[in-house]
Amino acid sequence: MKKDIVVSVTRSILEQLEAGTPPWHKSWAGGGGGGLPRRATGEPYRGINVFILAMADRPSPHWLTYRQAAAVGGQVRKGERGTGIVFFKPIEVENRDRDGETKTIPMARGYTVFNAAQCDGLPARYNPPPVAPRNSGERLEDVDAYIAGTGAVIRHGGDRAFYRPSEDLIGIPDAQQFDDPAAYYATLLHECTHWTGAAARLDRRLSYAEEELVAEMGAALLCATLSVSLAPRPDHASYIAAWVEQIRGGDNRLIFRAAAAAQRAVDYLDELQQPAAAQRAA
């Protein structure tokens, strides 16, 4: 992985954490006010690139390279600055632990994309109207169905949110105890991300600070996908201090590892929706 790419992305995120604002608490303008940023093909970006593009704070969910914009009849406006993102290409290298054998590792390559709002002449599909995140109302039926589809045991009541591995259950206060539905769902999705890390599931074995970072980034990805506002948790200050301490200690790959683990957690939760949906339709 090229050090300059890792260091550049880490430095940008660290600056916002030091200011007390995680970059994933932006308005997700890169997703048109809701949803994930998307490639020229319409496919959503994944992992660290979601957070890089969210930080760019652009109005359209669509991003294109200079050539991709030209290929569909568009043109990047003169003077516009692109956003650098990361492409991971698998390469084979010598396995120093085993003579004569090779292993595959991901090599990071940087490339530049432009938001559709930085271009002229693009087809209308690249500039959809903004979709405001849902942050009012009592409950969101589709989000409730998504969470139910995981099969996680969730116990409502009390005054704190947690995932308890010894009982494999999520505890969360009743929805009406939160300031608004968005705060309830953001918190519950955070705990659902923790739930994926159990030994019987993805078996994550991380430090407390790194696991909390994975859960935060997982909740951000889920909130963006489900168009739910991402409400800050009351204990963010202590989380941020721990993340900043690790990154300042020279762990430039922490953000990349956490983003990848968060994406795996979301993929796992998404896969659970298929049998749940089939059961509901039966």
Protein backbone atom coordinates (compact mmCIF):
# COMPACT_ATOMS: atom_id res chain seq x y z
CA MET A 1 0.00 0.00 0.00
CA LYS A 2 1.50 3.34 -0.94
CA LYS A 3 2.36 5.24 2.20
CA ASP A 4 1.41 8.65 0.80
CA ILE A 5 -2.20 7.54 0.12
CA VAL A 6 -2.61 6.06 3.57
CA VAL A 7 -1.02 9.02 5.31
CA SER A 8 -3.00 11.59 3.31
CA VAL A 9 -6.38 10.00 4.04
CA THR A 10 -5.48 9.38 7.68
CA ARG A 11 -4.32 12.97 8.15
CA SER A 12 -7.56 14.36 6.70
CA ILE A 13 -9.69 12.22 9.00
CA LEU A 14 -7.45 12.89 12.01
CA GLU A 15 -7.83 16.64 11.56
CA GLN A 16 -11.61 16.34 11.77
CA LEU A 17 -11.45 13.98 14.74
CA GLU A 18 -9.16 16.41 16.55
CA ALA A 19 -11.74 19.12 15.89
CA GLY A 20 -14.31 16.88 17.58
CA THR A 21 -16.32 16.01 14.47
CA PRO A 22 -16.04 12.56 12.89
CA PRO A 23 -16.21 12.99 9.10
CA TRP A 24 -18.99 10.40 8.89
CA HIS A 25 -21.25 12.85 10.77
CA LYS A 26 -21.43 15.11 7.77
CA SER A 27 -24.74 15.35 5.98
CA TRP A 28 -23.65 12.63 3.55
CA ALA A 29 -23.99 15.22 0.80
CA GLY A 30 -21.93 12.88 -1.35
CA GLY A 31 -25.01 10.68 -1.37
CA GLY A 32 -27.37 13.43 -2.42
CA GLY A 33 -28.44 14.02 1.15
CA GLY A 34 -29.05 10.32 1.68
CA GLY A 35 -27.53 7.13 0.34
CA LEU A 36 -24.01 6.15 -0.61
CA PRO A 37 -21.75 7.87 -3.16
CA ARG A 38 -21.82 6.04 -6.49
CA ARG A 39 -19.50 5.28 -9.36
CA ALA A 40 -20.20 6.30 -12.94
CA THR A 41 -21.82 2.88 -13.42
CA GLY A 42 -24.28 3.54 -10.59
CA GLU A 43 -22.66 1.00 -8.28
CA PRO A 44 -22.09 2.31 -4.74
CA TYR A 45 -18.59 2.84 -3.48
CA ARG A 46 -17.43 0.68 -0.60
CA GLY A 47 -15.20 0.89 2.45
CA ILE A 48 -12.82 3.79 2.89
CA ASN A 49 -13.85 5.48 -0.37
CA VAL A 50 -17.34 6.10 1.04
CA PHE A 51 -15.83 8.15 3.84
CA ILE A 52 -13.34 9.96 1.59
CA LEU A 53 -16.14 11.07 -0.74
CA ALA A 54 -18.43 12.00 2.15
CA MET A 55 -15.70 14.35 3.39
CA ALA A 56 -15.62 16.03 -0.02
CA ASP A 57 -19.13 17.36 0.78
CA ARG A 58 -20.48 17.49 -2.79
CA PRO A 59 -24.19 17.64 -3.75
CA SER A 60 -24.50 14.75 -6.22
CA PRO A 61 -24.18 11.07 -5.31
CA HIS A 62 -22.36 10.37 -8.60
CA TRP A 63 -18.61 10.51 -9.19
CA LEU A 64 -16.72 10.08 -12.47
CA THR A 65 -13.16 10.17 -13.71
CA TYR A 66 -12.29 12.79 -16.33
CA ARG A 67 -12.50 10.16 -19.07
CA GLN A 68 -15.79 8.74 -17.80
CA ALA A 69 -17.37 12.18 -17.88
CA ALA A 70 -16.19 12.69 -21.47
CA ALA A 71 -17.45 9.23 -22.48
CA VAL A 72 -21.05 10.15 -21.63
CA GLY A 73 -20.90 13.57 -23.30
CA GLY A 74 -19.86 15.61 -20.27
CA GLN A 75 -16.91 17.81 -19.43
CA VAL A 76 -15.24 18.60 -16.11
CA ARG A 77 -15.37 22.37 -15.68
CA LYS A 78 -12.09 24.22 -15.95
CA GLY A 79 -10.50 24.87 -12.60
CA GLU A 80 -12.38 22.13 -10.73
CA ARG A 81 -10.29 20.07 -8.34
CA GLY A 82 -10.87 16.34 -8.18
CA THR A 83 -11.01 14.10 -5.14
CA GLY A 84 -8.41 11.41 -4.67
CA ILE A 85 -9.74 7.96 -3.83
CA VAL A 86 -8.17 4.53 -3.48
CA PHE A 87 -8.32 1.46 -5.71
CA PHE A 88 -7.08 -1.79 -4.20
CA LYS A 89 -5.46 -4.09 -6.74
CA PRO A 90 -4.46 -7.63 -5.70
CA ILE A 91 -0.83 -8.42 -6.52
CA GLU A 92 1.31 -11.49 -5.92
CA VAL A 93 4.48 -11.09 -3.86
CA GLU A 94 7.07 -13.47 -2.48
CA ASN A 95 6.05 -15.11 0.77
CA ARG A 96 9.12 -14.65 2.96
CA ASP A 97 7.79 -17.17 5.47
CA ARG A 98 7.67 -19.92 2.85
CA ASP A 99 10.48 -20.19 0.32
CA GLY A 100 9.38 -20.48 -3.30
CA GLU A 101 5.76 -19.56 -2.57
CA THR A 102 3.83 -16.38 -3.26
CA LYS A 103 0.93 -14.68 -1.54
CA THR A 104 -1.66 -12.16 -2.68
CA ILE A 105 -1.82 -8.76 -0.99
CA PRO A 106 -3.91 -5.66 -1.77
CA MET A 107 -1.89 -2.81 -3.27
CA ALA A 108 -3.41 0.66 -3.00
CA ARG A 109 -3.45 2.87 -6.09
CA GLY A 110 -4.75 6.40 -6.04
CA TYR A 111 -6.90 7.95 -8.73
CA THR A 112 -9.00 11.08 -9.11
CA VAL A 113 -12.74 11.45 -9.50
CA PHE A 114 -15.02 14.45 -9.93
CA ASN A 115 -18.50 14.93 -8.59
CA ALA A 116 -21.23 15.21 -11.21
CA ALA A 117 -21.91 18.73 -9.92
CA GLN A 118 -18.40 19.69 -11.08
CA CYS A 119 -19.23 18.74 -14.67
CA ASP A 120 -21.28 20.19 -17.51
CA GLY A 121 -23.25 18.29 -20.13
CA LEU A 122 -23.82 15.07 -18.19
CA PRO A 123 -27.04 13.08 -18.68
CA ALA A 124 -29.75 13.97 -16.17
CA ARG A 125 -29.33 10.71 -14.26
CA TYR A 126 -26.04 11.99 -12.84
CA ASN A 127 -27.69 14.95 -11.12
CA PRO A 128 -30.77 13.64 -9.27
CA PRO A 129 -32.61 15.91 -6.84
CA PRO A 130 -31.36 15.71 -3.25
CA VAL A 131 -32.96 13.12 -1.00
CA ALA A 132 -33.25 14.46 2.54
CA PRO A 133 -32.37 12.00 5.29
CA ARG A 134 -35.39 10.98 7.31
CA ASN A 135 -35.22 12.40 10.81
CA SER A 136 -38.80 12.83 11.90
CA GLY A 137 -41.81 10.63 12.56
CA GLU A 138 -42.30 7.83 15.00
CA ARG A 139 -40.83 4.72 13.36
CA LEU A 140 -39.38 3.76 9.98
CA GLU A 141 -40.94 0.50 8.88
CA ASP A 142 -38.25 -0.42 6.36
CA VAL A 143 -35.47 0.15 8.89
CA ASP A 144 -37.37 -1.87 11.50
CA ALA A 145 -37.74 -4.67 8.94
CA TYR A 146 -34.01 -4.53 8.14
CA ILE A 147 -33.05 -4.81 11.80
CA ALA A 148 -35.58 -7.61 12.39
CA GLY A 149 -34.12 -9.40 9.36
CA THR A 150 -30.78 -9.79 11.12
CA GLY A 151 -32.33 -12.12 13.68
CA ALA A 152 -30.45 -10.36 16.49
CA VAL A 153 -32.00 -10.63 19.95
CA ILE A 154 -32.87 -7.07 21.01
CA ARG A 155 -34.09 -6.17 24.48
CA HIS A 156 -35.68 -2.76 24.96
CA GLY A 157 -35.64 -0.92 28.27
CA GLY A 158 -33.17 0.55 30.72
CA ASP A 159 -31.07 3.65 30.18
CA ARG A 160 -28.12 2.50 28.10
CA ALA A 161 -27.32 0.83 24.78
CA PHE A 162 -24.96 -2.13 24.58
CA TYR A 163 -24.12 -5.46 22.99
CA ARG A 164 -23.51 -8.18 25.59
CA PRO A 165 -21.43 -11.03 24.10
CA SER A 166 -22.01 -13.39 27.05
CA GLU A 167 -25.74 -13.45 26.29
CA ASP A 168 -25.45 -12.53 22.61
CA LEU A 169 -28.05 -9.81 22.93
CA ILE A 170 -28.44 -6.13 22.21
CA GLY A 171 -29.88 -3.85 24.86
CA ILE A 172 -31.27 -0.43 24.01
CA PRO A 173 -33.60 2.09 25.71
CA ASP A 174 -37.13 2.42 24.35
CA ALA A 175 -37.33 4.54 21.21
CA GLN A 176 -39.30 7.30 22.94
CA GLN A 177 -36.37 7.91 25.31
CA PHE A 178 -34.25 9.23 22.44
CA ASP A 179 -34.36 12.82 21.21
CA ASP A 180 -35.72 11.68 17.85
CA PRO A 181 -36.09 8.48 15.79
CA ALA A 182 -32.79 9.11 13.99
CA ALA A 183 -30.88 8.95 17.28
CA TYR A 184 -32.63 5.68 18.15
CA TYR A 185 -31.87 4.03 14.82
CA ALA A 186 -28.27 5.29 14.64
CA THR A 187 -27.62 3.86 18.10
CA LEU A 188 -29.33 0.55 17.33
CA LEU A 189 -27.40 0.15 14.07
CA HIS A 190 -24.19 0.83 15.99
CA GLU A 191 -25.01 -2.05 18.33
CA CYS A 192 -26.01 -4.29 15.40
CA THR A 193 -22.55 -3.72 13.97
CA HIS A 194 -21.04 -4.83 17.29
CA TRP A 195 -23.30 -7.92 17.09
CA THR A 196 -21.67 -8.99 13.81
CA GLY A 197 -18.30 -9.27 15.52
CA ALA A 198 -19.27 -12.24 17.72
CA ALA A 199 -17.18 -15.41 17.46
CA ALA A 200 -20.03 -17.26 15.74
CA ARG A 201 -20.26 -14.55 13.07
CA LEU A 202 -17.31 -12.47 11.85
CA ASP A 203 -15.14 -13.19 14.90
CA ARG A 204 -13.56 -9.74 15.21
CA ARG A 205 -10.84 -9.57 17.84
CA LEU A 206 -9.98 -5.92 18.17
CA SER A 207 -9.04 -3.46 20.86
CA TYR A 208 -11.92 -1.63 22.50
CA ALA A 209 -11.14 1.61 20.65
CA GLU A 210 -10.86 -0.09 17.26
CA GLU A 211 -14.06 -2.08 17.75
CA GLU A 212 -15.92 1.12 18.62
CA LEU A 213 -14.52 2.74 15.48
CA VAL A 214 -15.75 -0.20 13.39
CA ALA A 215 -19.20 0.07 14.98
CA GLU A 216 -19.33 3.82 14.35
CA MET A 217 -18.30 3.46 10.71
CA GLY A 218 -20.68 0.53 10.24
CA ALA A 219 -23.55 2.59 11.64
CA ALA A 220 -22.60 5.42 9.28
CA LEU A 221 -22.70 3.11 6.25
CA LEU A 222 -26.04 1.65 7.34
CA CYS A 223 -27.57 5.05 8.06
CA ALA A 224 -26.48 6.28 4.64
CA THR A 225 -27.89 3.19 2.91
CA LEU A 226 -31.19 3.42 4.79
CA SER A 227 -31.38 7.25 4.49
CA VAL A 228 -31.39 7.77 8.24
CA SER A 229 -29.68 10.77 9.79
CA LEU A 230 -26.61 9.79 11.77
CA ALA A 231 -27.09 11.21 15.26
CA PRO A 232 -24.01 11.55 17.49
CA ARG A 233 -23.84 9.34 20.56
CA PRO A 234 -23.45 11.02 23.96
CA ASP A 235 -20.17 9.19 24.58
CA HIS A 236 -18.50 10.33 21.33
CA ALA A 237 -15.95 12.50 23.15
CA SER A 238 -14.31 9.52 24.86
CA TYR A 239 -14.39 7.47 21.65
CA ILE A 240 -12.77 10.25 19.63
CA ALA A 241 -10.00 10.72 22.19
CA ALA A 242 -9.13 7.01 22.00
CA TRP A 243 -9.09 6.98 18.19
CA VAL A 244 -6.95 10.11 18.02
CA GLU A 245 -4.48 8.63 20.49
CA GLN A 246 -4.01 5.47 18.39
CA ILE A 247 -3.63 7.37 15.12
CA ARG A 248 -1.21 9.86 16.66
CA GLY A 249 0.75 6.87 17.87
CA GLY A 250 1.60 6.10 14.25
CA ASP A 251 -1.18 3.67 13.34
CA ASN A 252 -1.90 5.16 9.92
CA ARG A 253 -3.74 2.04 8.80
CA LEU A 254 -6.32 2.15 11.61
CA ILE A 255 -8.89 4.03 9.54
CA PHE A 256 -8.42 1.71 6.55
CA ARG A 257 -8.73 -1.42 8.69
CA ALA A 258 -11.81 -0.10 10.46
CA ALA A 259 -13.50 0.91 7.20
CA ALA A 260 -12.85 -2.52 5.71
CA ALA A 261 -14.16 -4.27 8.83
CA ALA A 262 -17.22 -2.01 8.88
CA GLN A 263 -17.93 -2.86 5.24
CA ARG A 264 -17.67 -6.58 6.02
CA ALA A 265 -20.12 -6.10 8.90
CA VAL A 266 -22.61 -4.33 6.63
CA ASP A 267 -22.22 -7.02 3.96
CA TYR A 268 -22.94 -9.65 6.61
CA LEU A 269 -26.10 -7.85 7.76
CA ASP A 270 -27.20 -7.38 4.15
CA GLU A 271 -26.83 -11.11 3.46
CA LEU A 272 -29.13 -11.89 6.37
CA GLN A 273 -31.90 -9.89 4.69
CA GLN A 274 -32.35 -12.38 1.84
CA PRO A 275 -33.69 -15.34 3.87
CA ALA A 276 -35.68 -12.94 6.04
CA ALA A 277 -37.34 -11.41 2.99
CA ALA A 278 -38.07 -14.85 1.53
CA GLN A 279 -39.66 -15.93 4.81
CA ARG A 280 -41.88 -12.84 4.90
CA ALA A 281 -43.00 -13.49 1.30
CA ALA A 282 -43.82 -17.17 1.96
